[in-house]
Amino acid sequence: MKLKFKALLFYAAFFGGFMLLPKLAAVAGIISGRGEEFAVGFGWFFVVVVSQFFILRCPHCKKPAVITPQGWRTPWVGTRCRYCGEPY
């Protein structure tokens, strides 16, 4: 699977989950009765942020495509690897 397509699926899942997050948090709060809305939101955000470093990697050199060589984080993967220069 091409990295650009993986990135599009990842972004769609991120924004789709972001739209569903208030409903999921409300359901969790109703079920538990203890007000765990924040925990659900933080858990979802943590899973998404950590998973992008494993999902969005260069298929050639295995470096994360969302981190530039200068150390900056970016959500966009581009068309070529920033480290080895190979096309995704």
C-alpha atoms as a PDB file:
ATOM      1  CA  MET A   1       0.000   0.000   0.000  1.00  0.00           C
ATOM      2  CA  LYS A   2       1.388   3.391  -0.931  1.00  0.00           C
ATOM      3  CA  LEU A   3       2.202   5.694   1.952  1.00  0.00           C
ATOM      4  CA  LYS A   4       0.070   8.516   0.570  1.00  0.00           C
ATOM      5  CA  PHE A   5      -2.997   6.246   0.592  1.00  0.00           C
ATOM      6  CA  LYS A   6      -2.140   5.074   4.119  1.00  0.00           C
ATOM      7  CA  ALA A   7      -1.847   8.703   5.186  1.00  0.00           C
ATOM      8  CA  LEU A   8      -5.233   9.545   3.668  1.00  0.00           C
ATOM      9  CA  LEU A   9      -6.832   6.632   5.515  1.00  0.00           C
ATOM     10  CA  PHE A  10      -5.113   7.698   8.723  1.00  0.00           C
ATOM     11  CA  TYR A  11      -6.298  11.323   8.333  1.00  0.00           C
ATOM     12  CA  ALA A  12      -9.845  10.144   7.576  1.00  0.00           C
ATOM     13  CA  ALA A  13      -9.815   7.956  10.694  1.00  0.00           C
ATOM     14  CA  PHE A  14      -8.418  10.844  12.746  1.00  0.00           C
ATOM     15  CA  PHE A  15     -11.059  13.356  11.648  1.00  0.00           C
ATOM     16  CA  GLY A  16     -13.831  10.750  11.734  1.00  0.00           C
ATOM     17  CA  GLY A  17     -12.877   9.797  15.263  1.00  0.00           C
ATOM     18  CA  PHE A  18     -12.638  13.465  16.195  1.00  0.00           C
ATOM     19  CA  MET A  19     -16.225  13.940  15.037  1.00  0.00           C
ATOM     20  CA  LEU A  20     -17.420  10.875  16.964  1.00  0.00           C
ATOM     21  CA  LEU A  21     -15.395  11.633  20.085  1.00  0.00           C
ATOM     22  CA  PRO A  22     -18.032  13.745  21.905  1.00  0.00           C
ATOM     23  CA  LYS A  23     -20.620  11.004  21.423  1.00  0.00           C
ATOM     24  CA  LEU A  24     -18.225   8.277  22.602  1.00  0.00           C
ATOM     25  CA  ALA A  25     -17.230  10.339  25.620  1.00  0.00           C
ATOM     26  CA  ALA A  26     -20.878  10.999  26.502  1.00  0.00           C
ATOM     27  CA  VAL A  27     -21.686   7.289  26.265  1.00  0.00           C
ATOM     28  CA  ALA A  28     -18.690   6.449  28.468  1.00  0.00           C
ATOM     29  CA  GLY A  29     -19.845   9.016  31.003  1.00  0.00           C
ATOM     30  CA  ILE A  30     -23.367   7.611  31.023  1.00  0.00           C
ATOM     31  CA  ILE A  31     -22.199   3.998  31.330  1.00  0.00           C
ATOM     32  CA  SER A  32     -19.643   4.560  34.080  1.00  0.00           C
ATOM     33  CA  GLY A  33     -21.509   7.318  35.905  1.00  0.00           C
ATOM     34  CA  ARG A  34     -18.194   8.724  37.102  1.00  0.00           C
ATOM     35  CA  GLY A  35     -17.532  11.345  34.431  1.00  0.00           C
ATOM     36  CA  GLU A  36     -14.831   9.592  32.441  1.00  0.00           C
ATOM     37  CA  GLU A  37     -15.325  11.734  29.350  1.00  0.00           C
ATOM     38  CA  PHE A  38     -11.877  13.252  29.645  1.00  0.00           C
ATOM     39  CA  ALA A  39     -10.228   9.842  29.954  1.00  0.00           C
ATOM     40  CA  VAL A  40     -11.926   8.629  26.768  1.00  0.00           C
ATOM     41  CA  GLY A  41     -10.875  11.757  24.874  1.00  0.00           C
ATOM     42  CA  PHE A  42      -7.308  11.640  26.127  1.00  0.00           C
ATOM     43  CA  GLY A  43      -7.040   7.908  25.427  1.00  0.00           C
ATOM     44  CA  TRP A  44      -8.252   8.344  21.855  1.00  0.00           C
ATOM     45  CA  PHE A  45      -5.873  11.255  21.271  1.00  0.00           C
ATOM     46  CA  PHE A  46      -2.918   9.336  22.757  1.00  0.00           C
ATOM     47  CA  VAL A  47      -3.570   6.265  20.596  1.00  0.00           C
ATOM     48  CA  VAL A  48      -3.823   8.369  17.427  1.00  0.00           C
ATOM     49  CA  VAL A  49      -0.687  10.397  18.160  1.00  0.00           C
ATOM     50  CA  VAL A  50       1.430   7.349  18.993  1.00  0.00           C
ATOM     51  CA  SER A  51       0.100   5.206  16.149  1.00  0.00           C
ATOM     52  CA  GLN A  52       1.057   7.733  13.488  1.00  0.00           C
ATOM     53  CA  PHE A  53       4.737   7.097  14.230  1.00  0.00           C
ATOM     54  CA  PHE A  54       4.255   3.380  13.503  1.00  0.00           C
ATOM     55  CA  ILE A  55       1.831   3.637  10.569  1.00  0.00           C
ATOM     56  CA  LEU A  56       3.393   6.510   8.613  1.00  0.00           C
ATOM     57  CA  ARG A  57       6.931   5.210   7.980  1.00  0.00           C
ATOM     58  CA  CYS A  58       9.109   5.213   4.874  1.00  0.00           C
ATOM     59  CA  PRO A  59       8.923   1.770   3.232  1.00  0.00           C
ATOM     60  CA  HIS A  60      12.626   1.984   2.295  1.00  0.00           C
ATOM     61  CA  CYS A  61      14.548   3.308   5.311  1.00  0.00           C
ATOM     62  CA  LYS A  62      11.800   2.822   7.956  1.00  0.00           C
ATOM     63  CA  LYS A  63      12.169   6.360   9.330  1.00  0.00           C
ATOM     64  CA  PRO A  64       8.966   8.154  10.442  1.00  0.00           C
ATOM     65  CA  ALA A  65       7.531  10.176   7.566  1.00  0.00           C
ATOM     66  CA  VAL A  66       5.999  12.728   9.941  1.00  0.00           C
ATOM     67  CA  ILE A  67       9.320  13.844  11.456  1.00  0.00           C
ATOM     68  CA  THR A  68      11.700  15.982   9.422  1.00  0.00           C
ATOM     69  CA  PRO A  69      15.500  15.563   9.627  1.00  0.00           C
ATOM     70  CA  GLN A  70      15.615  18.843  11.593  1.00  0.00           C
ATOM     71  CA  GLY A  71      13.341  17.339  14.256  1.00  0.00           C
ATOM     72  CA  TRP A  72      10.128  19.164  13.344  1.00  0.00           C
ATOM     73  CA  ARG A  73       6.861  17.214  13.389  1.00  0.00           C
ATOM     74  CA  THR A  74       4.501  17.563  10.440  1.00  0.00           C
ATOM     75  CA  PRO A  75       1.244  15.781   9.679  1.00  0.00           C
ATOM     76  CA  TRP A  76       1.929  15.716   5.917  1.00  0.00           C
ATOM     77  CA  VAL A  77       4.041  12.931   4.446  1.00  0.00           C
ATOM     78  CA  GLY A  78       4.851  14.398   1.018  1.00  0.00           C
ATOM     79  CA  THR A  79       5.850  12.354  -2.045  1.00  0.00           C
ATOM     80  CA  ARG A  80       9.481  11.515  -1.192  1.00  0.00           C
ATOM     81  CA  CYS A  81      11.249  10.454   1.970  1.00  0.00           C
ATOM     82  CA  ARG A  82      12.952  13.332   3.748  1.00  0.00           C
ATOM     83  CA  TYR A  83      15.813  11.056   4.811  1.00  0.00           C
ATOM     84  CA  CYS A  84      16.666   8.724   1.909  1.00  0.00           C
ATOM     85  CA  GLY A  85      15.016  10.641  -0.958  1.00  0.00           C
ATOM     86  CA  GLU A  86      13.174   7.585  -2.324  1.00  0.00           C
ATOM     87  CA  PRO A  87       9.613   8.093  -3.564  1.00  0.00           C
ATOM     88  CA  TYR A  88       6.867   6.702  -1.388  1.00  0.00           C
END
